[in-house]
Protein backbone atom coordinates (compact mmCIF):
# COMPACT_ATOMS: atom_id res chain seq x y z
CA MET A 1 24.81 104.83 -59.54
CA GLN A 2 23.21 101.66 -60.71
CA LYS A 3 25.66 100.92 -63.50
CA GLN A 4 29.33 101.59 -64.08
CA PHE A 5 29.98 102.96 -67.53
CA GLU A 6 32.54 101.24 -69.75
CA PRO A 7 35.28 103.13 -71.64
CA SER A 8 33.63 102.35 -75.00
CA PHE A 9 30.35 103.85 -73.78
CA ILE A 10 32.14 106.99 -72.54
CA LYS A 11 33.78 107.35 -76.00
CA ARG A 12 30.32 107.25 -77.57
CA LEU A 13 29.20 109.95 -75.14
CA LYS A 14 32.18 112.12 -76.02
CA LYS A 15 31.31 111.80 -79.72
CA GLY A 16 27.77 113.02 -79.01
CA ASP A 17 26.02 109.73 -79.84
CA ARG A 18 22.35 110.55 -79.16
CA GLN A 19 21.43 107.04 -78.01
CA ALA A 20 24.40 106.96 -75.62
CA ILE A 21 23.37 110.34 -74.18
CA THR A 22 19.80 109.11 -73.69
CA ASP A 23 20.99 105.89 -72.05
CA TRP A 24 23.46 107.83 -69.87
CA TYR A 25 20.77 110.24 -68.71
CA ASP A 26 18.24 107.49 -67.99
CA GLN A 27 20.78 105.52 -65.96
CA SER A 28 22.44 108.44 -64.13
CA ALA A 29 19.67 110.92 -63.46
CA PRO A 30 17.81 109.05 -60.70
CA SER A 31 20.84 108.64 -58.42
CA LEU A 32 22.19 112.12 -59.19
CA LEU A 33 18.76 113.58 -58.44
CA GLY A 34 19.02 111.91 -55.04
CA VAL A 35 22.21 113.88 -54.41
CA CYS A 36 20.49 117.09 -55.54
CA MET A 37 17.53 116.40 -53.25
CA ARG A 38 19.84 116.56 -50.23
CA TYR A 39 21.08 120.03 -51.18
CA GLY A 40 17.93 121.56 -52.65
CA THR A 41 15.13 122.94 -50.54
CA SER A 42 12.41 121.66 -52.87
CA THR A 43 11.93 119.10 -55.60
CA GLN A 44 11.96 121.90 -58.18
CA ASP A 45 15.24 123.22 -56.77
CA ALA A 46 16.76 119.72 -56.91
CA GLU A 47 15.59 119.21 -60.49
CA ASP A 48 17.14 122.54 -61.49
CA LEU A 49 20.43 121.51 -59.85
CA LEU A 50 20.32 118.18 -61.69
CA HIS A 51 19.67 119.86 -65.03
CA ASN A 52 22.53 122.33 -64.56
CA GLY A 53 24.85 119.59 -63.33
CA MET A 54 24.06 117.27 -66.24
CA LEU A 55 24.83 120.08 -68.69
CA LYS A 56 28.17 120.65 -66.93
CA ILE A 57 28.94 116.93 -67.14
CA LEU A 58 28.26 116.91 -70.88
CA ALA A 59 30.35 120.06 -71.36
CA GLY A 60 33.21 118.53 -69.36
CA LEU A 61 33.26 115.17 -71.14
CA PRO A 62 36.12 116.12 -73.51
CA ARG A 63 38.36 116.69 -70.48
CA PHE A 64 37.43 113.44 -68.72
CA ASN A 65 40.05 110.69 -68.91
CA TYR A 66 38.93 107.18 -68.01
CA GLN A 67 41.09 105.81 -65.20
CA GLY A 68 39.22 102.74 -64.08
CA PRO A 69 35.87 101.42 -62.95
CA GLY A 70 33.77 103.81 -60.89
CA ARG A 71 35.84 106.90 -61.73
CA PHE A 72 33.32 108.30 -64.21
CA GLU A 73 30.49 107.92 -61.69
CA ALA A 74 32.57 109.61 -58.95
CA TRP A 75 33.50 112.42 -61.37
CA MET A 76 29.83 112.99 -62.22
CA LYS A 77 28.83 113.04 -58.55
CA ARG A 78 31.58 115.55 -57.77
CA ILE A 79 30.29 117.84 -60.54
CA ILE A 80 26.75 117.59 -59.14
CA VAL A 81 27.94 118.42 -55.60
CA ASN A 82 30.00 121.36 -56.89
CA THR A 83 27.00 122.56 -58.89
CA ALA A 84 24.90 122.49 -55.73
CA LEU A 85 27.56 124.35 -53.71
CA ASN A 86 27.99 126.94 -56.46
CA HIS A 87 24.23 127.44 -56.51
CA LEU A 88 24.25 127.99 -52.77
CA ARG A 89 27.08 130.50 -53.11
CA ALA A 90 25.22 132.33 -55.87
CA GLU A 91 22.25 132.60 -53.58
CA SER A 92 24.62 134.21 -51.03
CA LYS A 93 23.72 131.53 -48.54
CA ILE A 94 27.25 130.43 -47.79
CA LYS A 95 29.11 133.75 -47.74
CA ASN A 96 26.68 135.41 -45.35
CA LEU A 97 25.47 132.25 -43.69
CA ARG A 98 24.46 132.36 -40.08
CA PHE A 99 25.64 128.91 -39.02
CA GLU A 100 23.95 129.22 -35.66
CA GLU A 101 20.40 129.08 -36.97
CA GLU A 102 17.67 128.28 -34.48
CA ILE A 103 14.78 125.88 -34.49
CA HIS A 104 11.37 126.81 -33.07
CA GLY A 105 11.41 126.08 -29.37
CA ASN A 106 14.58 125.16 -27.50
CA ALA A 107 15.47 122.03 -29.44
CA LEU A 108 19.16 122.94 -29.60
CA THR A 109 19.69 123.53 -25.89
CA ASP A 110 19.95 119.82 -25.13
CA THR A 111 23.14 117.87 -25.62
CA PRO A 112 23.33 114.60 -27.55
CA ASP A 113 23.47 112.68 -24.24
CA GLU A 114 19.99 113.91 -23.36
CA VAL A 115 18.41 111.82 -26.08
CA ASP A 116 17.56 108.78 -23.96
CA GLU A 117 18.36 105.87 -26.23
CA MET A 118 19.13 105.27 -29.84
CA PRO A 119 15.84 105.72 -31.73
CA PRO A 120 14.79 103.36 -34.51
CA ALA A 121 16.30 104.10 -37.90
CA PRO A 122 13.96 105.88 -40.30
CA GLU A 123 13.40 104.77 -43.88
CA PRO A 124 15.98 106.32 -46.26
CA GLU A 125 13.40 108.54 -47.98
CA GLU A 126 12.18 109.78 -44.61
CA LEU A 127 15.72 110.55 -43.46
CA ILE A 128 16.47 112.52 -46.63
CA GLU A 129 13.28 114.53 -46.06
CA TRP A 130 14.34 115.26 -42.46
CA ILE A 131 17.77 116.37 -43.67
CA ARG A 132 16.13 118.68 -46.23
CA HIS A 133 14.34 120.43 -43.36
CA LEU A 134 17.43 120.97 -41.21
CA PRO A 135 18.71 124.53 -40.87
CA PHE A 136 20.82 125.45 -43.89
CA GLY A 137 24.21 125.22 -42.18
CA TYR A 138 23.47 121.89 -40.54
CA ARG A 139 22.12 120.44 -43.80
CA THR A 140 25.14 121.57 -45.81
CA VAL A 141 27.69 120.21 -43.33
CA ILE A 142 25.95 116.86 -42.78
CA ASN A 143 25.66 116.35 -46.55
CA LEU A 144 29.33 117.10 -47.15
CA TYR A 145 30.57 115.07 -44.18
CA VAL A 146 28.30 112.02 -44.20
CA PHE A 147 27.33 111.62 -47.84
CA GLU A 148 30.28 113.13 -49.71
CA GLY A 149 33.02 112.01 -47.32
CA TYR A 150 34.59 115.45 -46.83
CA THR A 151 36.75 115.99 -43.76
CA HIS A 152 36.01 118.88 -41.40
CA LYS A 153 39.05 120.67 -42.81
CA GLU A 154 37.74 120.29 -46.37
CA ILE A 155 34.29 121.49 -45.29
CA ALA A 156 35.83 124.48 -43.52
CA ASP A 157 37.81 125.37 -46.64
CA GLU A 158 34.82 124.88 -48.95
CA LEU A 159 32.41 126.92 -46.81
CA ASN A 160 34.90 129.45 -45.45
CA ILE A 161 34.18 128.53 -41.83
CA SER A 162 36.35 127.10 -39.05
CA GLU A 163 36.79 123.38 -38.51
CA ASN A 164 35.18 123.76 -35.09
CA THR A 165 32.11 125.35 -36.67
CA SER A 166 31.89 122.40 -39.05
CA LYS A 167 32.12 119.95 -36.15
CA SER A 168 29.53 121.89 -34.17
CA GLN A 169 27.11 122.01 -37.10
CA LEU A 170 27.44 118.25 -37.62
CA SER A 171 26.90 117.54 -33.94
CA LYS A 172 23.82 119.75 -33.76
CA ALA A 173 22.41 118.22 -36.94
CA ARG A 174 22.79 114.75 -35.46
CA VAL A 175 21.04 115.86 -32.24
CA LEU A 176 18.09 117.19 -34.22
CA LEU A 177 17.85 114.05 -36.33
CA ARG A 178 17.97 111.82 -33.22
CA LYS A 179 15.27 113.90 -31.57
CA ARG A 180 13.14 113.72 -34.69
CA ALA A 181 13.59 109.95 -34.88
CA SER A 182 12.69 109.52 -31.20
CA GLY A 183 9.58 111.68 -31.58
CA LYS A 184 10.90 114.43 -29.27
CA LEU A 185 10.96 116.89 -32.15
CA VAL A 186 7.97 116.64 -34.44
CA ASN A 187 8.84 119.38 -36.93
CA LEU A 188 12.13 120.69 -38.17
CA GLU A 189 10.63 124.02 -39.14
CA LEU A 190 13.00 126.96 -39.25
CA LYS A 191 12.41 130.45 -37.99
CA LYS A 192 12.33 132.73 -40.98
CA ASN A 193 15.38 134.96 -41.19
CA GLY A 194 14.31 138.59 -41.72
């Protein structure tokens, strides 16, 4: 988030002040869309997640109690992440998820040690795009672990998988991203599941 919202501004939001809502949306939407982009498979999907999440934030405002700087922003982000996870559940992607998805070729047969040296870091936009093209399970775990700060236990509970599966998915996601950064894996295209 670019700006932390003050208690007086949040009170205006709670009262339905149209200008406050417009200002809130203009200031919050870009960074929250960034969160949605990591979970969605397309820009349209991410925009839909943002829209649904923003409506949930507005609906939940009466229950929000200001407890200090940054809390409102963290609360909004948590709602957006939960909206994304609920969307994934509704699509039956988590319940019936095959966490051992494959990439074209044998990209997953190598271990992390087989990537020769640390590749150069990609630009943030490029990295987000690479993450969006990871297999579903890898993408979900890396988002929750790296960007949202969940522990493997929390991820396991949230996704109904074991902690070891969470750790494995994160490790495999990192291998793929390193290979992509080093040029050893040009595309992160998935095999279509029947």
